[in-house]
Amino acid sequence: MLYSIVGALVIILDQAVKFWVADAIEYNSEIISFIPGVLSLVNIHNDGAAFSILAGGEARIYFIALTAIFTIAVIIALA
């Protein structure tokens, strides 16, 4: 139960920081440094998955197709 509470709090904190950054920091222009050289925030958008993997339309289509094939295979296997 404690893990669930901590997980929910981390998700809430993450979303609150994202909302604040989107509201307070202009897109792709300024960097707010909290601890110089250690922690700073900038408003940049990632159009791919983690670390811009699958950024761009062509790679995304292959990923969606592969996911659909895998999902169908799992459904057939479970049936």
C-alpha atoms as a PDB file:
ATOM      1  CA  MET A   1       0.000   0.000   0.000  1.00  0.00           C
ATOM      2  CA  LEU A   2       2.850   2.369   0.833  1.00  0.00           C
ATOM      3  CA  TYR A   3       4.356   1.823  -2.636  1.00  0.00           C
ATOM      4  CA  SER A   4       1.044   2.766  -4.236  1.00  0.00           C
ATOM      5  CA  ILE A   5       0.833   5.979  -2.233  1.00  0.00           C
ATOM      6  CA  VAL A   6       4.438   6.927  -3.010  1.00  0.00           C
ATOM      7  CA  GLY A   7       3.887   6.118  -6.700  1.00  0.00           C
ATOM      8  CA  ALA A   8       0.743   8.240  -6.839  1.00  0.00           C
ATOM      9  CA  LEU A   9       2.550  11.145  -5.141  1.00  0.00           C
ATOM     10  CA  VAL A  10       5.445  10.909  -7.608  1.00  0.00           C
ATOM     11  CA  ILE A  11       3.022  10.982 -10.553  1.00  0.00           C
ATOM     12  CA  ILE A  12       1.177  13.968  -9.080  1.00  0.00           C
ATOM     13  CA  LEU A  13       4.450  15.827  -8.467  1.00  0.00           C
ATOM     14  CA  ASP A  14       5.651  15.013 -12.003  1.00  0.00           C
ATOM     15  CA  GLN A  15       2.461  16.335 -13.586  1.00  0.00           C
ATOM     16  CA  ALA A  16       2.480  19.442 -11.367  1.00  0.00           C
ATOM     17  CA  VAL A  17       6.057  20.274 -12.405  1.00  0.00           C
ATOM     18  CA  LYS A  18       5.184  19.732 -16.089  1.00  0.00           C
ATOM     19  CA  PHE A  19       2.151  22.010 -15.760  1.00  0.00           C
ATOM     20  CA  TRP A  20       4.216  24.687 -13.997  1.00  0.00           C
ATOM     21  CA  VAL A  21       7.008  24.531 -16.607  1.00  0.00           C
ATOM     22  CA  ALA A  22       4.513  24.793 -19.482  1.00  0.00           C
ATOM     23  CA  ASP A  23       2.884  27.785 -17.793  1.00  0.00           C
ATOM     24  CA  ALA A  24       5.913  29.644 -16.425  1.00  0.00           C
ATOM     25  CA  ILE A  25       8.734  29.015 -18.896  1.00  0.00           C
ATOM     26  CA  GLU A  26       8.498  30.158 -22.503  1.00  0.00           C
ATOM     27  CA  TYR A  27       8.917  27.361 -25.054  1.00  0.00           C
ATOM     28  CA  ASN A  28      12.551  26.722 -26.091  1.00  0.00           C
ATOM     29  CA  SER A  29      13.864  30.059 -24.834  1.00  0.00           C
ATOM     30  CA  GLU A  30      14.961  30.308 -21.224  1.00  0.00           C
ATOM     31  CA  ILE A  31      16.564  28.005 -18.676  1.00  0.00           C
ATOM     32  CA  ILE A  32      15.709  28.277 -14.992  1.00  0.00           C
ATOM     33  CA  SER A  33      18.609  27.041 -12.876  1.00  0.00           C
ATOM     34  CA  PHE A  34      17.781  25.823  -9.371  1.00  0.00           C
ATOM     35  CA  ILE A  35      21.210  24.437  -8.472  1.00  0.00           C
ATOM     36  CA  PRO A  36      23.771  25.773 -10.989  1.00  0.00           C
ATOM     37  CA  GLY A  37      25.445  22.929 -12.876  1.00  0.00           C
ATOM     38  CA  VAL A  38      23.187  20.321 -11.231  1.00  0.00           C
ATOM     39  CA  LEU A  39      19.471  21.071 -11.694  1.00  0.00           C
ATOM     40  CA  SER A  40      17.818  23.333 -14.242  1.00  0.00           C
ATOM     41  CA  LEU A  41      14.513  23.364 -16.120  1.00  0.00           C
ATOM     42  CA  VAL A  42      13.769  24.259 -19.733  1.00  0.00           C
ATOM     43  CA  ASN A  43      10.542  23.972 -21.730  1.00  0.00           C
ATOM     44  CA  ILE A  44      11.315  21.657 -24.669  1.00  0.00           C
ATOM     45  CA  HIS A  45       8.854  19.256 -26.292  1.00  0.00           C
ATOM     46  CA  ASN A  46       9.757  15.666 -27.193  1.00  0.00           C
ATOM     47  CA  ASP A  47       7.780  14.326 -30.148  1.00  0.00           C
ATOM     48  CA  GLY A  48       9.020  10.761 -29.726  1.00  0.00           C
ATOM     49  CA  ALA A  49       9.206   8.259 -26.912  1.00  0.00           C
ATOM     50  CA  ALA A  50      11.898   8.318 -24.225  1.00  0.00           C
ATOM     51  CA  PHE A  51      14.945  10.327 -25.343  1.00  0.00           C
ATOM     52  CA  SER A  52      13.259  11.046 -28.730  1.00  0.00           C
ATOM     53  CA  ILE A  53      13.265   7.403 -29.773  1.00  0.00           C
ATOM     54  CA  LEU A  54      10.796   6.981 -32.650  1.00  0.00           C
ATOM     55  CA  ALA A  55      10.688  10.735 -33.314  1.00  0.00           C
ATOM     56  CA  GLY A  56       9.256  11.392 -36.735  1.00  0.00           C
ATOM     57  CA  GLY A  57       6.314   9.901 -38.564  1.00  0.00           C
ATOM     58  CA  GLU A  58       7.918   6.973 -40.394  1.00  0.00           C
ATOM     59  CA  ALA A  59       9.355   5.217 -37.331  1.00  0.00           C
ATOM     60  CA  ARG A  60       6.084   5.703 -35.474  1.00  0.00           C
ATOM     61  CA  ILE A  61       4.113   3.854 -38.172  1.00  0.00           C
ATOM     62  CA  TYR A  62       6.365   0.783 -37.890  1.00  0.00           C
ATOM     63  CA  PHE A  63       6.080   0.823 -34.110  1.00  0.00           C
ATOM     64  CA  ILE A  64       2.281   1.009 -34.255  1.00  0.00           C
ATOM     65  CA  ALA A  65       2.155  -1.854 -36.760  1.00  0.00           C
ATOM     66  CA  LEU A  66       4.493  -3.993 -34.645  1.00  0.00           C
ATOM     67  CA  THR A  67       2.423  -3.262 -31.524  1.00  0.00           C
ATOM     68  CA  ALA A  68      -0.801  -4.227 -33.328  1.00  0.00           C
ATOM     69  CA  ILE A  69       0.707  -7.504 -34.574  1.00  0.00           C
ATOM     70  CA  PHE A  70       2.004  -8.356 -31.104  1.00  0.00           C
ATOM     71  CA  THR A  71      -1.366  -7.512 -29.507  1.00  0.00           C
ATOM     72  CA  ILE A  72      -3.215  -9.753 -31.953  1.00  0.00           C
ATOM     73  CA  ALA A  73      -0.711 -12.578 -31.330  1.00  0.00           C
ATOM     74  CA  VAL A  74      -1.207 -12.305 -27.559  1.00  0.00           C
ATOM     75  CA  ILE A  75      -4.997 -12.303 -27.921  1.00  0.00           C
ATOM     76  CA  ILE A  76      -4.832 -15.414 -30.132  1.00  0.00           C
ATOM     77  CA  ALA A  77      -2.439 -17.121 -27.706  1.00  0.00           C
ATOM     78  CA  LEU A  78      -4.720 -16.396 -24.742  1.00  0.00           C
ATOM     79  CA  ALA A  79      -7.797 -17.599 -26.599  1.00  0.00           C
END
